[in-house]
Amino acid sequence: MAARAEDGAGGESFLQTFREEKNLDRLQTAFLARPPEDTIADQWQSQILARVLSRFRVIMVTEAPREMVEDLHLIYAPTLPEALKTAETILGNDQASITAIPDGVGVIVEEI
């Protein structure tokens, strides 16, 4: 993921949710146990990110502070070449392909 994150991570409760709980399984369990009338601010965003992170490792290319990125359970990379190198190491494959999605909010990706 590439993002300038000029305004930080978004809502403070979004960042705080991930900063306070390092175990994603416990985080997801807490979300599901919470009654709809008691949801916390930005919970929908937190649930989506936690769901993604339960299946994938996400590298974030950004100028944002490394600590913020790591608090969100993401892997920090200051440049795209460094992110690609990190991905190759994680995958154990220096020939892996990548997909660029320029407007991730407006796209639904389907694995085929």
PDB file of N, CA and C in Angstrom:
ATOM      1  N   MET A   1       0.851  -1.154   0.000  1.00  0.00           N
ATOM      2  CA  MET A   1       0.000   0.000   0.000  1.00  0.00           C
ATOM      3  C   MET A   1       0.903   1.225   0.000  1.00  0.00           C
ATOM      4  N   ALA A   2       0.588   2.180  -0.840  1.00  0.00           N
ATOM      5  CA  ALA A   2       1.320   3.438  -0.861  1.00  0.00           C
ATOM      6  C   ALA A   2       0.367   4.557  -0.453  1.00  0.00           C
ATOM      7  N   ALA A   3       0.772   5.327   0.552  1.00  0.00           N
ATOM      8  CA  ALA A   3      -0.075   6.413   1.032  1.00  0.00           C
ATOM      9  C   ALA A   3       0.790   7.474   1.693  1.00  0.00           C
ATOM     10  N   ARG A   4       0.497   8.713   1.386  1.00  0.00           N
ATOM     11  CA  ARG A   4       1.254   9.804   2.020  1.00  0.00           C
ATOM     12  C   ARG A   4       0.910   9.903   3.502  1.00  0.00           C
ATOM     13  N   ALA A   5      -0.335   9.660   3.839  1.00  0.00           N
ATOM     14  CA  ALA A   5      -0.796   9.717   5.236  1.00  0.00           C
ATOM     15  C   ALA A   5      -0.448  11.054   5.876  1.00  0.00           C
ATOM     16  N   GLU A   6      -0.683  12.126   5.124  1.00  0.00           N
ATOM     17  CA  GLU A   6      -0.376  13.468   5.621  1.00  0.00           C
ATOM     18  C   GLU A   6      -1.132  13.811   6.902  1.00  0.00           C
ATOM     19  N   ASP A   7      -2.302  13.227   7.060  1.00  0.00           N
ATOM     20  CA  ASP A   7      -3.118  13.480   8.246  1.00  0.00           C
ATOM     21  C   ASP A   7      -2.986  12.361   9.270  1.00  0.00           C
ATOM     22  N   GLY A   8      -1.940  11.582   9.167  1.00  0.00           N
ATOM     23  CA  GLY A   8      -1.749  10.482  10.103  1.00  0.00           C
ATOM     24  C   GLY A   8      -2.521   9.248   9.665  1.00  0.00           C
ATOM     25  N   ALA A   9      -2.992   8.498  10.652  1.00  0.00           N
ATOM     26  CA  ALA A   9      -3.666   7.228  10.382  1.00  0.00           C
ATOM     27  C   ALA A   9      -5.167   7.376  10.246  1.00  0.00           C
ATOM     28  N   GLY A  10      -5.662   8.587  10.316  1.00  0.00           N
ATOM     29  CA  GLY A  10      -7.112   8.787  10.299  1.00  0.00           C
ATOM     30  C   GLY A  10      -7.565   9.155  11.697  1.00  0.00           C
ATOM     31  N   GLY A  11      -8.708   8.669  12.083  1.00  0.00           N
ATOM     32  CA  GLY A  11      -9.222   8.958  13.419  1.00  0.00           C
ATOM     33  C   GLY A  11      -8.315   8.408  14.510  1.00  0.00           C
ATOM     34  N   GLU A  12      -8.206   9.138  15.587  1.00  0.00           N
ATOM     35  CA  GLU A  12      -7.331   8.713  16.689  1.00  0.00           C
ATOM     36  C   GLU A  12      -7.778   7.372  17.280  1.00  0.00           C
ATOM     37  N   SER A  13      -9.086   7.128  17.338  1.00  0.00           N
ATOM     38  CA  SER A  13      -9.526   5.850  17.915  1.00  0.00           C
ATOM     39  C   SER A  13      -9.160   4.682  17.002  1.00  0.00           C
ATOM     40  N   PHE A  14      -9.086   4.917  15.698  1.00  0.00           N
ATOM     41  CA  PHE A  14      -8.653   3.881  14.752  1.00  0.00           C
ATOM     42  C   PHE A  14      -7.234   3.447  15.084  1.00  0.00           C
ATOM     43  N   LEU A  15      -6.338   4.405  15.180  1.00  0.00           N
ATOM     44  CA  LEU A  15      -4.946   4.098  15.511  1.00  0.00           C
ATOM     45  C   LEU A  15      -4.845   3.485  16.903  1.00  0.00           C
ATOM     46  N   GLN A  16      -5.558   4.053  17.859  1.00  0.00           N
ATOM     47  CA  GLN A  16      -5.504   3.572  19.243  1.00  0.00           C
ATOM     48  C   GLN A  16      -5.964   2.119  19.357  1.00  0.00           C
ATOM     49  N   THR A  17      -6.963   1.745  18.569  1.00  0.00           N
ATOM     50  CA  THR A  17      -7.467   0.370  18.595  1.00  0.00           C
ATOM     51  C   THR A  17      -6.353  -0.625  18.308  1.00  0.00           C
ATOM     52  N   PHE A  18      -5.545  -0.336  17.306  1.00  0.00           N
ATOM     53  CA  PHE A  18      -4.462  -1.245  16.923  1.00  0.00           C
ATOM     54  C   PHE A  18      -3.247  -1.093  17.822  1.00  0.00           C
ATOM     55  N   ARG A  19      -3.007   0.111  18.301  1.00  0.00           N
ATOM     56  CA  ARG A  19      -1.864   0.353  19.186  1.00  0.00           C
ATOM     57  C   ARG A  19      -2.041  -0.409  20.497  1.00  0.00           C
ATOM     58  N   GLU A  20      -3.273  -0.457  20.993  1.00  0.00           N
ATOM     59  CA  GLU A  20      -3.531  -1.072  22.293  1.00  0.00           C
ATOM     60  C   GLU A  20      -3.619  -2.593  22.246  1.00  0.00           C
ATOM     61  N   GLU A  21      -3.969  -3.159  21.106  1.00  0.00           N
ATOM     62  CA  GLU A  21      -4.116  -4.619  21.024  1.00  0.00           C
ATOM     63  C   GLU A  21      -3.176  -5.169  19.956  1.00  0.00           C
ATOM     64  N   LYS A  22      -2.183  -5.904  20.385  1.00  0.00           N
ATOM     65  CA  LYS A  22      -1.201  -6.459  19.456  1.00  0.00           C
ATOM     66  C   LYS A  22      -1.628  -7.801  18.867  1.00  0.00           C
ATOM     67  N   ASN A  23      -2.671  -8.406  19.462  1.00  0.00           N
ATOM     68  CA  ASN A  23      -3.133  -9.702  18.988  1.00  0.00           C
ATOM     69  C   ASN A  23      -4.390  -9.498  18.128  1.00  0.00           C
ATOM     70  N   LEU A  24      -4.259  -9.737  16.817  1.00  0.00           N
ATOM     71  CA  LEU A  24      -5.376  -9.492  15.896  1.00  0.00           C
ATOM     72  C   LEU A  24      -6.554 -10.432  16.132  1.00  0.00           C
ATOM     73  N   ASP A  25      -6.296 -11.644  16.580  1.00  0.00           N
ATOM     74  CA  ASP A  25      -7.396 -12.574  16.878  1.00  0.00           C
ATOM     75  C   ASP A  25      -8.252 -12.033  18.023  1.00  0.00           C
ATOM     76  N   ARG A  26      -7.597 -11.554  19.070  1.00  0.00           N
ATOM     77  CA  ARG A  26      -8.343 -10.976  20.196  1.00  0.00           C
ATOM     78  C   ARG A  26      -9.102  -9.731  19.761  1.00  0.00           C
ATOM     79  N   LEU A  27      -8.497  -8.948  18.894  1.00  0.00           N
ATOM     80  CA  LEU A  27      -9.144  -7.733  18.405  1.00  0.00           C
ATOM     81  C   LEU A  27     -10.419  -8.086  17.639  1.00  0.00           C
ATOM     82  N   GLN A  28     -10.332  -9.051  16.737  1.00  0.00           N
ATOM     83  CA  GLN A  28     -11.510  -9.441  15.959  1.00  0.00           C
ATOM     84  C   GLN A  28     -12.584 -10.055  16.849  1.00  0.00           C
ATOM     85  N   THR A  29     -12.175 -10.834  17.828  1.00  0.00           N
ATOM     86  CA  THR A  29     -13.132 -11.421  18.764  1.00  0.00           C
ATOM     87  C   THR A  29     -13.867 -10.323  19.525  1.00  0.00           C
ATOM     88  N   ALA A  30     -13.146  -9.304  19.943  1.00  0.00           N
ATOM     89  CA  ALA A  30     -13.773  -8.185  20.662  1.00  0.00           C
ATOM     90  C   ALA A  30     -14.761  -7.440  19.766  1.00  0.00           C
ATOM     91  N   PHE A  31     -14.408  -7.238  18.500  1.00  0.00           N
ATOM     92  CA  PHE A  31     -15.335  -6.573  17.578  1.00  0.00           C
ATOM     93  C   PHE A  31     -16.631  -7.363  17.450  1.00  0.00           C
ATOM     94  N   LEU A  32     -16.520  -8.665  17.265  1.00  0.00           N
ATOM     95  CA  LEU A  32     -17.696  -9.500  17.046  1.00  0.00           C
ATOM     96  C   LEU A  32     -18.550  -9.633  18.301  1.00  0.00           C
ATOM     97  N   ALA A  33     -17.929  -9.515  19.461  1.00  0.00           N
ATOM     98  CA  ALA A  33     -18.671  -9.648  20.719  1.00  0.00           C
ATOM     99  C   ALA A  33     -19.388  -8.358  21.103  1.00  0.00           C
ATOM    100  N   ARG A  34     -18.986  -7.257  20.516  1.00  0.00           N
ATOM    101  CA  ARG A  34     -19.567  -5.955  20.880  1.00  0.00           C
ATOM    102  C   ARG A  34     -20.937  -5.800  20.235  1.00  0.00           C
ATOM    103  N   PRO A  35     -21.966  -5.484  21.004  1.00  0.00           N
ATOM    104  CA  PRO A  35     -23.296  -5.267  20.437  1.00  0.00           C
ATOM    105  C   PRO A  35     -23.287  -4.069  19.475  1.00  0.00           C
ATOM    106  N   PRO A  36     -24.098  -4.113  18.427  1.00  0.00           N
ATOM    107  CA  PRO A  36     -24.121  -3.022  17.440  1.00  0.00           C
ATOM    108  C   PRO A  36     -24.317  -1.636  18.054  1.00  0.00           C
ATOM    109  N   GLU A  37     -25.075  -1.560  19.122  1.00  0.00           N
ATOM    110  CA  GLU A  37     -25.324  -0.251  19.732  1.00  0.00           C
ATOM    111  C   GLU A  37     -24.124   0.257  20.539  1.00  0.00           C
ATOM    112  N   ASP A  38     -23.110  -0.586  20.722  1.00  0.00           N
ATOM    113  CA  ASP A  38     -21.934  -0.202  21.501  1.00  0.00           C
ATOM    114  C   ASP A  38     -20.656  -0.111  20.666  1.00  0.00           C
ATOM    115  N   THR A  39     -20.780  -0.026  19.346  1.00  0.00           N
ATOM    116  CA  THR A  39     -19.576   0.034  18.522  1.00  0.00           C
ATOM    117  C   THR A  39     -18.766   1.286  18.852  1.00  0.00           C
ATOM    118  N   ILE A  40     -17.470   1.177  18.676  1.00  0.00           N
ATOM    119  CA  ILE A  40     -16.575   2.298  18.947  1.00  0.00           C
ATOM    120  C   ILE A  40     -16.382   3.112  17.673  1.00  0.00           C
ATOM    121  N   ALA A  41     -15.869   4.332  17.825  1.00  0.00           N
ATOM    122  CA  ALA A  41     -15.616   5.188  16.666  1.00  0.00           C
ATOM    123  C   ALA A  41     -14.674   4.487  15.692  1.00  0.00           C
ATOM    124  N   ASP A  42     -15.003   4.574  14.422  1.00  0.00           N
ATOM    125  CA  ASP A  42     -14.186   3.986  13.346  1.00  0.00           C
ATOM    126  C   ASP A  42     -14.079   2.466  13.420  1.00  0.00           C
ATOM    127  N   GLN A  43     -14.992   1.818  14.116  1.00  0.00           N
ATOM    128  CA  GLN A  43     -14.903   0.358  14.252  1.00  0.00           C
ATOM    129  C   GLN A  43     -14.975  -0.345  12.910  1.00  0.00           C
ATOM    130  N   TRP A  44     -15.800   0.144  11.988  1.00  0.00           N
ATOM    131  CA  TRP A  44     -15.925  -0.520  10.689  1.00  0.00           C
ATOM    132  C   TRP A  44     -14.576  -0.544   9.976  1.00  0.00           C
ATOM    133  N   GLN A  45     -13.812   0.555  10.056  1.00  0.00           N
ATOM    134  CA  GLN A  45     -12.495   0.592   9.424  1.00  0.00           C
ATOM    135  C   GLN A  45     -11.549  -0.383  10.115  1.00  0.00           C
ATOM    136  N   SER A  46     -11.609  -0.395  11.418  1.00  0.00           N
ATOM    137  CA  SER A  46     -10.743  -1.290  12.184  1.00  0.00           C
ATOM    138  C   SER A  46     -11.052  -2.743  11.875  1.00  0.00           C
ATOM    139  N   GLN A  47     -12.324  -3.076  11.773  1.00  0.00           N
ATOM    140  CA  GLN A  47     -12.712  -4.454  11.459  1.00  0.00           C
ATOM    141  C   GLN A  47     -12.194  -4.871  10.094  1.00  0.00           C
ATOM    142  N   ILE A  48     -12.312  -3.982   9.116  1.00  0.00           N
ATOM    143  CA  ILE A  48     -11.847  -4.318   7.768  1.00  0.00           C
ATOM    144  C   ILE A  48     -10.336  -4.524   7.755  1.00  0.00           C
ATOM    145  N   LEU A  49      -9.596  -3.608   8.367  1.00  0.00           N
ATOM    146  CA  LEU A  49      -8.143  -3.768   8.392  1.00  0.00           C
ATOM    147  C   LEU A  49      -7.746  -5.035   9.141  1.00  0.00           C
ATOM    148  N   ALA A  50      -8.369  -5.309  10.262  1.00  0.00           N
ATOM    149  CA  ALA A  50      -8.049  -6.519  11.017  1.00  0.00           C
ATOM    150  C   ALA A  50      -8.330  -7.769  10.188  1.00  0.00           C
ATOM    151  N   ARG A  51      -9.411  -7.751   9.422  1.00  0.00           N
ATOM    152  CA  ARG A  51      -9.742  -8.889   8.564  1.00  0.00           C
ATOM    153  C   ARG A  51      -8.682  -9.074   7.476  1.00  0.00           C
ATOM    154  N   VAL A  52      -8.255  -7.990   6.864  1.00  0.00           N
ATOM    155  CA  VAL A  52      -7.207  -8.063   5.837  1.00  0.00           C
ATOM    156  C   VAL A  52      -5.916  -8.609   6.452  1.00  0.00           C
ATOM    157  N   LEU A  53      -5.542  -8.065   7.608  1.00  0.00           N
ATOM    158  CA  LEU A  53      -4.289  -8.462   8.242  1.00  0.00           C
ATOM    159  C   LEU A  53      -4.307  -9.896   8.761  1.00  0.00           C
ATOM    160  N   SER A  54      -5.484 -10.443   8.969  1.00  0.00           N
ATOM    161  CA  SER A  54      -5.556 -11.843   9.398  1.00  0.00           C
ATOM    162  C   SER A  54      -5.210 -12.789   8.250  1.00  0.00           C
ATOM    163  N   ARG A  55      -5.251 -12.277   7.021  1.00  0.00           N
ATOM    164  CA  ARG A  55      -4.958 -13.122   5.846  1.00  0.00           C
ATOM    165  C   ARG A  55      -3.678 -12.733   5.108  1.00  0.00           C
ATOM    166  N   PHE A  56      -3.272 -11.464   5.243  1.00  0.00           N
ATOM    167  CA  PHE A  56      -2.163 -10.965   4.437  1.00  0.00           C
ATOM    168  C   PHE A  56      -1.227 -10.095   5.262  1.00  0.00           C
ATOM    169  N   ARG A  57       0.026 -10.046   4.835  1.00  0.00           N
ATOM    170  CA  ARG A  57       0.980  -9.081   5.382  1.00  0.00           C
ATOM    171  C   ARG A  57       0.933  -7.878   4.451  1.00  0.00           C
ATOM    172  N   VAL A  58       0.846  -6.700   5.013  1.00  0.00           N
ATOM    173  CA  VAL A  58       0.703  -5.485   4.218  1.00  0.00           C
ATOM    174  C   VAL A  58       1.914  -4.580   4.453  1.00  0.00           C
ATOM    175  N   ILE A  59       2.544  -4.197   3.356  1.00  0.00           N
ATOM    176  CA  ILE A  59       3.677  -3.276   3.400  1.00  0.00           C
ATOM    177  C   ILE A  59       3.148  -1.898   3.035  1.00  0.00           C
ATOM    178  N   MET A  60       3.473  -0.904   3.848  1.00  0.00           N
ATOM    179  CA  MET A  60       3.013   0.454   3.587  1.00  0.00           C
ATOM    180  C   MET A  60       4.199   1.336   3.204  1.00  0.00           C
ATOM    181  N   VAL A  61       4.151   1.861   1.988  1.00  0.00           N
ATOM    182  CA  VAL A  61       5.153   2.807   1.517  1.00  0.00           C
ATOM    183  C   VAL A  61       4.636   4.197   1.868  1.00  0.00           C
ATOM    184  N   THR A  62       5.407   4.902   2.698  1.00  0.00           N
ATOM    185  CA  THR A  62       4.906   6.186   3.192  1.00  0.00           C
ATOM    186  C   THR A  62       6.031   7.022   3.772  1.00  0.00           C
ATOM    187  N   GLU A  63       5.745   8.304   3.872  1.00  0.00           N
ATOM    188  CA  GLU A  63       6.636   9.217   4.592  1.00  0.00           C
ATOM    189  C   GLU A  63       6.166   9.383   6.040  1.00  0.00           C
ATOM    190  N   ALA A  64       5.077   8.729   6.385  1.00  0.00           N
ATOM    191  CA  ALA A  64       4.541   8.804   7.747  1.00  0.00           C
ATOM    192  C   ALA A  64       5.528   8.158   8.727  1.00  0.00           C
ATOM    193  N   PRO A  65       5.397   8.454   9.992  1.00  0.00           N
ATOM    194  CA  PRO A  65       6.306   7.865  10.983  1.00  0.00           C
ATOM    195  C   PRO A  65       6.218   6.333  11.011  1.00  0.00           C
ATOM    196  N   ARG A  66       7.366   5.708  11.064  1.00  0.00           N
ATOM    197  CA  ARG A  66       7.450   4.245  11.115  1.00  0.00           C
ATOM    198  C   ARG A  66       6.629   3.690  12.283  1.00  0.00           C
ATOM    199  N   GLU A  67       6.700   4.348  13.437  1.00  0.00           N
ATOM    200  CA  GLU A  67       5.977   3.880  14.623  1.00  0.00           C
ATOM    201  C   GLU A  67       4.471   3.796  14.352  1.00  0.00           C
ATOM    202  N   MET A  68       3.914   4.789  13.673  1.00  0.00           N
ATOM    203  CA  MET A  68       2.486   4.782  13.361  1.00  0.00           C
ATOM    204  C   MET A  68       2.139   3.582  12.475  1.00  0.00           C
ATOM    205  N   VAL A  69       2.964   3.363  11.471  1.00  0.00           N
ATOM    206  CA  VAL A  69       2.732   2.246  10.545  1.00  0.00           C
ATOM    207  C   VAL A  69       2.776   0.921  11.301  1.00  0.00           C
ATOM    208  N   GLU A  70       3.768   0.756  12.127  1.00  0.00           N
ATOM    209  CA  GLU A  70       3.911  -0.500  12.876  1.00  0.00           C
ATOM    210  C   GLU A  70       2.825  -0.647  13.944  1.00  0.00           C
ATOM    211  N   ASP A  71       2.345   0.462  14.513  1.00  0.00           N
ATOM    212  CA  ASP A  71       1.215   0.393  15.454  1.00  0.00           C
ATOM    213  C   ASP A  71      -0.029  -0.163  14.766  1.00  0.00           C
ATOM    214  N   LEU A  72      -0.140   0.066  13.461  1.00  0.00           N
ATOM    215  CA  LEU A  72      -1.277  -0.446  12.686  1.00  0.00           C
ATOM    216  C   LEU A  72      -1.057  -1.887  12.214  1.00  0.00           C
ATOM    217  N   HIS A  73       0.031  -2.504  12.670  1.00  0.00           N
ATOM    218  CA  HIS A  73       0.361  -3.886  12.319  1.00  0.00           C
ATOM    219  C   HIS A  73       0.765  -4.015  10.849  1.00  0.00           C
ATOM    220  N   LEU A  74       1.250  -2.933  10.269  1.00  0.00           N
ATOM    221  CA  LEU A  74       1.711  -2.925   8.884  1.00  0.00           C
ATOM    222  C   LEU A  74       3.237  -2.954   8.883  1.00  0.00           C
ATOM    223  N   ILE A  75       3.798  -3.311   7.735  1.00  0.00           N
ATOM    224  CA  ILE A  75       5.249  -3.332   7.573  1.00  0.00           C
ATOM    225  C   ILE A  75       5.655  -2.023   6.905  1.00  0.00           C
ATOM    226  N   TYR A  76       6.551  -1.301   7.522  1.00  0.00           N
ATOM    227  CA  TYR A  76       6.969   0.015   7.038  1.00  0.00           C
ATOM    228  C   TYR A  76       7.997  -0.102   5.918  1.00  0.00           C
ATOM    229  N   ALA A  77       7.829   0.739   4.886  1.00  0.00           N
ATOM    230  CA  ALA A  77       8.833   0.879   3.833  1.00  0.00           C
ATOM    231  C   ALA A  77       8.852   2.344   3.398  1.00  0.00           C
ATOM    232  N   PRO A  78      10.013   2.971   3.411  1.00  0.00           N
ATOM    233  CA  PRO A  78      10.078   4.379   3.029  1.00  0.00           C
ATOM    234  C   PRO A  78      10.020   4.621   1.522  1.00  0.00           C
ATOM    235  N   THR A  79      10.308   3.579   0.721  1.00  0.00           N
ATOM    236  CA  THR A  79      10.303   3.719  -0.739  1.00  0.00           C
ATOM    237  C   THR A  79       9.693   2.479  -1.385  1.00  0.00           C
ATOM    238  N   LEU A  80       9.223   2.643  -2.612  1.00  0.00           N
ATOM    239  CA  LEU A  80       8.666   1.501  -3.347  1.00  0.00           C
ATOM    240  C   LEU A  80       9.720   0.424  -3.598  1.00  0.00           C
ATOM    241  N   PRO A  81      10.944   0.776  -4.032  1.00  0.00           N
ATOM    242  CA  PRO A  81      11.948  -0.284  -4.212  1.00  0.00           C
ATOM    243  C   PRO A  81      12.207  -1.082  -2.927  1.00  0.00           C
ATOM    244  N   GLU A  82      12.225  -0.390  -1.793  1.00  0.00           N
ATOM    245  CA  GLU A  82      12.426  -1.111  -0.528  1.00  0.00           C
ATOM    246  C   GLU A  82      11.230  -2.015  -0.211  1.00  0.00           C
ATOM    247  N   ALA A  83      10.024  -1.551  -0.510  1.00  0.00           N
ATOM    248  CA  ALA A  83       8.828  -2.374  -0.290  1.00  0.00           C
ATOM    249  C   ALA A  83       8.878  -3.621  -1.162  1.00  0.00           C
ATOM    250  N   LEU A  84       9.283  -3.461  -2.410  1.00  0.00           N
ATOM    251  CA  LEU A  84       9.381  -4.617  -3.310  1.00  0.00           C
ATOM    252  C   LEU A  84      10.424  -5.612  -2.817  1.00  0.00           C
ATOM    253  N   LYS A  85      11.536  -5.100  -2.325  1.00  0.00           N
ATOM    254  CA  LYS A  85      12.574  -5.979  -1.787  1.00  0.00           C
ATOM    255  C   LYS A  85      12.053  -6.732  -0.564  1.00  0.00           C
ATOM    256  N   THR A  86      11.326  -6.030   0.300  1.00  0.00           N
ATOM    257  CA  THR A  86      10.736  -6.670   1.482  1.00  0.00           C
ATOM    258  C   THR A  86       9.739  -7.744   1.068  1.00  0.00           C
ATOM    259  N   ALA A  87       8.914  -7.441   0.080  1.00  0.00           N
ATOM    260  CA  ALA A  87       7.926  -8.419  -0.403  1.00  0.00           C
ATOM    261  C   ALA A  87       8.619  -9.648  -0.982  1.00  0.00           C
ATOM    262  N   GLU A  88       9.680  -9.433  -1.748  1.00  0.00           N
ATOM    263  CA  GLU A  88      10.425 -10.563  -2.320  1.00  0.00           C
ATOM    264  C   GLU A  88      10.981 -11.447  -1.207  1.00  0.00           C
ATOM    265  N   THR A  89      11.474 -10.820  -0.149  1.00  0.00           N
ATOM    266  CA  THR A  89      12.015 -11.577   0.985  1.00  0.00           C
ATOM    267  C   THR A  89      10.907 -12.365   1.677  1.00  0.00           C
ATOM    268  N   ILE A  90       9.780 -11.724   1.921  1.00  0.00           N
ATOM    269  CA  ILE A  90       8.652 -12.401   2.573  1.00  0.00           C
ATOM    270  C   ILE A  90       8.187 -13.589   1.743  1.00  0.00           C
ATOM    271  N   LEU A  91       8.064 -13.368   0.429  1.00  0.00           N
ATOM    272  CA  LEU A  91       7.570 -14.410  -0.462  1.00  0.00           C
ATOM    273  C   LEU A  91       8.627 -15.453  -0.807  1.00  0.00           C
ATOM    274  N   GLY A  92       9.889 -15.090  -0.637  1.00  0.00           N
ATOM    275  CA  GLY A  92      10.963 -15.985  -1.061  1.00  0.00           C
ATOM    276  C   GLY A  92      10.984 -16.122  -2.570  1.00  0.00           C
ATOM    277  N   ASN A  93      10.616 -15.041  -3.262  1.00  0.00           N
ATOM    278  CA  ASN A  93      10.487 -15.086  -4.715  1.00  0.00           C
ATOM    279  C   ASN A  93      10.813 -13.715  -5.289  1.00  0.00           C
ATOM    280  N   ASP A  94      11.922 -13.635  -6.025  1.00  0.00           N
ATOM    281  CA  ASP A  94      12.275 -12.345  -6.623  1.00  0.00           C
ATOM    282  C   ASP A  94      11.671 -12.158  -8.012  1.00  0.00           C
ATOM    283  N   GLN A  95      10.795 -13.064  -8.414  1.00  0.00           N
ATOM    284  CA  GLN A  95      10.120 -12.969  -9.715  1.00  0.00           C
ATOM    285  C   GLN A  95       8.604 -12.810  -9.566  1.00  0.00           C
ATOM    286  N   ALA A  96       8.147 -12.553  -8.360  1.00  0.00           N
ATOM    287  CA  ALA A  96       6.704 -12.424  -8.118  1.00  0.00           C
ATOM    288  C   ALA A  96       6.156 -11.190  -8.831  1.00  0.00           C
ATOM    289  N   SER A  97       4.906 -11.272  -9.223  1.00  0.00           N
ATOM    290  CA  SER A  97       4.271 -10.128  -9.876  1.00  0.00           C
ATOM    291  C   SER A  97       3.577  -9.263  -8.825  1.00  0.00           C
ATOM    292  N   ILE A  98       3.326  -8.009  -9.187  1.00  0.00           N
ATOM    293  CA  ILE A  98       2.596  -7.109  -8.303  1.00  0.00           C
ATOM    294  C   ILE A  98       1.400  -6.565  -9.068  1.00  0.00           C
ATOM    295  N   THR A  99       0.439  -6.071  -8.329  1.00  0.00           N
ATOM    296  CA  THR A  99      -0.734  -5.437  -8.916  1.00  0.00           C
ATOM    297  C   THR A  99      -0.828  -4.029  -8.360  1.00  0.00           C
ATOM    298  N   ALA A 100      -1.000  -3.066  -9.244  1.00  0.00           N
ATOM    299  CA  ALA A 100      -1.177  -1.678  -8.828  1.00  0.00           C
ATOM    300  C   ALA A 100      -2.640  -1.306  -8.975  1.00  0.00           C
ATOM    301  N   ILE A 101      -3.225  -0.802  -7.920  1.00  0.00           N
ATOM    302  CA  ILE A 101      -4.619  -0.373  -7.912  1.00  0.00           C
ATOM    303  C   ILE A 101      -4.607   1.108  -7.567  1.00  0.00           C
ATOM    304  N   PRO A 102      -4.737   1.980  -8.574  1.00  0.00           N
ATOM    305  CA  PRO A 102      -4.570   3.411  -8.319  1.00  0.00           C
ATOM    306  C   PRO A 102      -5.627   4.036  -7.415  1.00  0.00           C
ATOM    307  N   ASP A 103      -6.815   3.512  -7.380  1.00  0.00           N
ATOM    308  CA  ASP A 103      -7.879   4.073  -6.542  1.00  0.00           C
ATOM    309  C   ASP A 103      -8.512   2.938  -5.753  1.00  0.00           C
ATOM    310  N   GLY A 104      -7.789   2.476  -4.723  1.00  0.00           N
ATOM    311  CA  GLY A 104      -8.207   1.300  -3.986  1.00  0.00           C
ATOM    312  C   GLY A 104      -9.590   1.408  -3.350  1.00  0.00           C
ATOM    313  N   VAL A 105     -10.017   2.605  -3.009  1.00  0.00           N
ATOM    314  CA  VAL A 105     -11.326   2.786  -2.387  1.00  0.00           C
ATOM    315  C   VAL A 105     -12.448   2.479  -3.377  1.00  0.00           C
ATOM    316  N   GLY A 106     -12.195   2.723  -4.659  1.00  0.00           N
ATOM    317  CA  GLY A 106     -13.236   2.549  -5.667  1.00  0.00           C
ATOM    318  C   GLY A 106     -13.140   1.263  -6.454  1.00  0.00           C
ATOM    319  N   VAL A 107     -12.375   0.273  -5.950  1.00  0.00           N
ATOM    320  CA  VAL A 107     -12.146  -0.954  -6.702  1.00  0.00           C
ATOM    321  C   VAL A 107     -12.406  -2.169  -5.810  1.00  0.00           C
ATOM    322  N   ILE A 108     -13.024  -3.179  -6.396  1.00  0.00           N
ATOM    323  CA  ILE A 108     -13.165  -4.457  -5.714  1.00  0.00           C
ATOM    324  C   ILE A 108     -12.260  -5.435  -6.448  1.00  0.00           C
ATOM    325  N   VAL A 109     -11.321  -6.010  -5.734  1.00  0.00           N
ATOM    326  CA  VAL A 109     -10.345  -6.926  -6.328  1.00  0.00           C
ATOM    327  C   VAL A 109     -10.839  -8.348  -6.137  1.00  0.00           C
ATOM    328  N   GLU A 110     -10.781  -9.110  -7.208  1.00  0.00           N
ATOM    329  CA  GLU A 110     -11.184 -10.509  -7.144  1.00  0.00           C
ATOM    330  C   GLU A 110     -10.017 -11.368  -7.572  1.00  0.00           C
ATOM    331  N   GLU A 111      -9.675 -12.348  -6.737  1.00  0.00           N
ATOM    332  CA  GLU A 111      -8.609 -13.273  -7.056  1.00  0.00           C
ATOM    333  C   GLU A 111      -9.154 -14.350  -7.994  1.00  0.00           C
ATOM    334  N   ILE A 112      -8.479 -14.555  -9.115  1.00  0.00           N
ATOM    335  CA  ILE A 112      -8.946 -15.583 -10.053  1.00  0.00           C
ATOM    336  C   ILE A 112      -7.901 -16.660 -10.239  1.00  0.00           C
TER     337      ILE A 112
END
